[in-house]
Amino acid sequence: MSLSTGRTKLAGSLKQLMLRWEKAKEQWDDPVSAEFEKTVLAPLEPKVRAAVSAMEHMGELLARVRRDCE
């Protein structure tokens, strides 16, 4: 799997997770769900976004290295 493919899959998976969470919250709306959102999902989103950003940067660096080596 290429870096670009992995980045796209990771970003898409986060989007799907958040969409499914919104759907789940329609049925699961209690203190436990709020705690799950607070402790699991809320910290996960910025970490995944940071990873996607790092992967974009790595892709740019790899492209530059490939051009420089030609």
N, C-alpha and C. Protein backbone atom coordinates (compact mmCIF):
# COMPACT_ATOMS: atom_id res chain seq x y z
N MET A 1 0.86 -1.17 0.00
CA MET A 1 0.00 0.00 0.00
C MET A 1 0.90 1.24 0.00
N SER A 2 0.57 2.18 -0.84
CA SER A 2 1.37 3.40 -0.90
C SER A 2 1.02 4.32 0.26
N LEU A 3 1.91 5.26 0.51
CA LEU A 3 1.69 6.23 1.58
C LEU A 3 0.41 7.03 1.31
N SER A 4 0.20 7.40 0.08
CA SER A 4 -0.98 8.17 -0.30
C SER A 4 -2.26 7.36 -0.06
N THR A 5 -2.20 6.08 -0.41
CA THR A 5 -3.37 5.21 -0.20
C THR A 5 -3.65 5.06 1.29
N GLY A 6 -2.60 4.85 2.07
CA GLY A 6 -2.77 4.72 3.52
C GLY A 6 -3.35 5.97 4.14
N ARG A 7 -2.85 7.12 3.70
CA ARG A 7 -3.35 8.40 4.22
C ARG A 7 -4.83 8.56 3.89
N THR A 8 -5.20 8.25 2.67
CA THR A 8 -6.59 8.37 2.24
C THR A 8 -7.49 7.42 3.03
N LYS A 9 -7.01 6.19 3.23
CA LYS A 9 -7.81 5.21 3.98
C LYS A 9 -7.97 5.65 5.44
N LEU A 10 -6.90 6.16 6.03
CA LEU A 10 -6.97 6.59 7.42
C LEU A 10 -7.95 7.75 7.58
N ALA A 11 -7.85 8.74 6.71
CA ALA A 11 -8.76 9.88 6.78
C ALA A 11 -10.21 9.44 6.54
N GLY A 12 -10.41 8.55 5.59
CA GLY A 12 -11.75 8.05 5.31
C GLY A 12 -12.31 7.23 6.46
N SER A 13 -11.45 6.46 7.10
CA SER A 13 -11.89 5.66 8.24
C SER A 13 -12.32 6.54 9.41
N LEU A 14 -11.57 7.61 9.64
CA LEU A 14 -11.96 8.54 10.70
C LEU A 14 -13.31 9.16 10.39
N LYS A 15 -13.50 9.56 9.14
CA LYS A 15 -14.78 10.15 8.74
C LYS A 15 -15.92 9.16 8.95
N GLN A 16 -15.72 7.91 8.54
CA GLN A 16 -16.74 6.88 8.72
C GLN A 16 -17.02 6.63 10.19
N LEU A 17 -15.97 6.58 10.99
CA LEU A 17 -16.14 6.37 12.43
C LEU A 17 -16.99 7.48 13.04
N MET A 18 -16.69 8.72 12.70
CA MET A 18 -17.43 9.84 13.28
C MET A 18 -18.89 9.84 12.80
N LEU A 19 -19.12 9.48 11.54
CA LEU A 19 -20.49 9.39 11.04
C LEU A 19 -21.26 8.28 11.76
N ARG A 20 -20.62 7.16 11.96
CA ARG A 20 -21.28 6.05 12.64
C ARG A 20 -21.50 6.36 14.12
N TRP A 21 -20.57 7.12 14.70
CA TRP A 21 -20.75 7.51 16.10
C TRP A 21 -21.97 8.42 16.23
N GLU A 22 -22.13 9.36 15.32
CA GLU A 22 -23.30 10.23 15.37
C GLU A 22 -24.58 9.42 15.27
N LYS A 23 -24.57 8.40 14.42
CA LYS A 23 -25.74 7.53 14.28
C LYS A 23 -25.97 6.73 15.57
N ALA A 24 -24.90 6.22 16.16
CA ALA A 24 -25.02 5.44 17.40
C ALA A 24 -25.54 6.29 18.55
N LYS A 25 -25.14 7.56 18.57
CA LYS A 25 -25.58 8.44 19.65
C LYS A 25 -27.09 8.68 19.63
N GLU A 26 -27.71 8.47 18.49
CA GLU A 26 -29.17 8.60 18.42
C GLU A 26 -29.85 7.57 19.33
N GLN A 27 -29.23 6.41 19.51
CA GLN A 27 -29.78 5.34 20.34
C GLN A 27 -29.10 5.22 21.70
N TRP A 28 -27.84 5.62 21.75
CA TRP A 28 -27.04 5.44 22.96
C TRP A 28 -26.69 6.81 23.52
N ASP A 29 -27.56 7.34 24.34
CA ASP A 29 -27.39 8.68 24.87
C ASP A 29 -27.52 8.62 26.40
N ASP A 30 -26.41 8.26 27.03
CA ASP A 30 -26.40 8.19 28.48
C ASP A 30 -25.01 8.61 28.97
N PRO A 31 -24.78 8.62 30.27
CA PRO A 31 -23.47 9.03 30.78
C PRO A 31 -22.31 8.17 30.28
N VAL A 32 -22.55 6.90 30.04
CA VAL A 32 -21.49 6.02 29.54
C VAL A 32 -21.09 6.42 28.12
N SER A 33 -22.06 6.73 27.28
CA SER A 33 -21.73 7.15 25.92
C SER A 33 -21.00 8.48 25.93
N ALA A 34 -21.39 9.37 26.80
CA ALA A 34 -20.70 10.66 26.91
C ALA A 34 -19.26 10.46 27.36
N GLU A 35 -19.05 9.55 28.30
CA GLU A 35 -17.69 9.25 28.77
C GLU A 35 -16.86 8.60 27.66
N PHE A 36 -17.48 7.71 26.89
CA PHE A 36 -16.80 7.08 25.75
C PHE A 36 -16.36 8.14 24.74
N GLU A 37 -17.26 9.05 24.44
CA GLU A 37 -16.94 10.11 23.49
C GLU A 37 -15.80 10.96 24.02
N LYS A 38 -15.87 11.29 25.30
CA LYS A 38 -14.86 12.16 25.92
C LYS A 38 -13.49 11.49 26.02
N THR A 39 -13.47 10.23 26.42
CA THR A 39 -12.19 9.58 26.69
C THR A 39 -11.59 8.84 25.50
N VAL A 40 -12.44 8.41 24.55
CA VAL A 40 -11.93 7.63 23.43
C VAL A 40 -11.97 8.42 22.13
N LEU A 41 -13.14 8.90 21.75
CA LEU A 41 -13.27 9.53 20.44
C LEU A 41 -12.67 10.93 20.37
N ALA A 42 -12.90 11.74 21.37
CA ALA A 42 -12.38 13.12 21.33
C ALA A 42 -10.85 13.14 21.22
N PRO A 43 -10.12 12.34 21.99
CA PRO A 43 -8.66 12.34 21.84
C PRO A 43 -8.19 11.70 20.54
N LEU A 44 -8.98 10.78 20.00
CA LEU A 44 -8.58 10.07 18.79
C LEU A 44 -8.56 10.97 17.56
N GLU A 45 -9.56 11.81 17.43
CA GLU A 45 -9.69 12.63 16.22
C GLU A 45 -8.47 13.51 15.96
N PRO A 46 -7.98 14.31 16.92
CA PRO A 46 -6.80 15.13 16.61
C PRO A 46 -5.55 14.30 16.36
N LYS A 47 -5.45 13.14 16.99
CA LYS A 47 -4.29 12.27 16.75
C LYS A 47 -4.30 11.73 15.32
N VAL A 48 -5.46 11.32 14.86
CA VAL A 48 -5.55 10.81 13.49
C VAL A 48 -5.30 11.94 12.50
N ARG A 49 -5.84 13.11 12.77
CA ARG A 49 -5.60 14.25 11.86
C ARG A 49 -4.12 14.61 11.82
N ALA A 50 -3.44 14.53 12.96
CA ALA A 50 -2.00 14.80 12.99
C ALA A 50 -1.24 13.74 12.20
N ALA A 51 -1.66 12.49 12.31
CA ALA A 51 -1.02 11.42 11.56
C ALA A 51 -1.22 11.62 10.06
N VAL A 52 -2.41 12.00 9.65
CA VAL A 52 -2.69 12.25 8.23
C VAL A 52 -1.81 13.40 7.73
N SER A 53 -1.70 14.44 8.52
CA SER A 53 -0.86 15.57 8.15
C SER A 53 0.60 15.15 8.02
N ALA A 54 1.08 14.34 8.96
CA ALA A 54 2.46 13.85 8.90
C ALA A 54 2.67 12.99 7.67
N MET A 55 1.67 12.18 7.33
CA MET A 55 1.79 11.34 6.14
C MET A 55 1.83 12.19 4.88
N GLU A 56 1.08 13.28 4.84
CA GLU A 56 1.13 14.19 3.69
C GLU A 56 2.53 14.78 3.57
N HIS A 57 3.09 15.21 4.69
CA HIS A 57 4.43 15.78 4.68
C HIS A 57 5.46 14.74 4.23
N MET A 58 5.34 13.52 4.72
CA MET A 58 6.25 12.46 4.31
C MET A 58 6.14 12.19 2.82
N GLY A 59 4.93 12.23 2.30
CA GLY A 59 4.73 12.02 0.87
C GLY A 59 5.42 13.09 0.05
N GLU A 60 5.34 14.34 0.51
CA GLU A 60 6.02 15.43 -0.18
C GLU A 60 7.53 15.24 -0.14
N LEU A 61 8.05 14.84 1.01
CA LEU A 61 9.49 14.60 1.13
C LEU A 61 9.95 13.45 0.25
N LEU A 62 9.18 12.38 0.22
CA LEU A 62 9.53 11.26 -0.64
C LEU A 62 9.51 11.64 -2.12
N ALA A 63 8.55 12.45 -2.51
CA ALA A 63 8.49 12.90 -3.91
C ALA A 63 9.72 13.74 -4.25
N ARG A 64 10.12 14.60 -3.31
CA ARG A 64 11.29 15.43 -3.53
C ARG A 64 12.56 14.57 -3.63
N VAL A 65 12.67 13.57 -2.78
CA VAL A 65 13.82 12.68 -2.82
C VAL A 65 13.87 11.94 -4.15
N ARG A 66 12.71 11.47 -4.60
CA ARG A 66 12.68 10.76 -5.89
C ARG A 66 13.11 11.67 -7.03
N ARG A 67 12.63 12.92 -7.01
CA ARG A 67 13.04 13.87 -8.07
C ARG A 67 14.53 14.14 -8.01
N ASP A 68 15.07 14.31 -6.81
CA ASP A 68 16.49 14.62 -6.65
C ASP A 68 17.38 13.45 -7.06
N CYS A 69 16.87 12.24 -6.99
CA CYS A 69 17.66 11.06 -7.32
C CYS A 69 17.60 10.69 -8.80
N GLU A 70 16.80 11.38 -9.55
CA GLU A 70 16.67 11.06 -10.98
C GLU A 70 17.83 11.62 -11.77
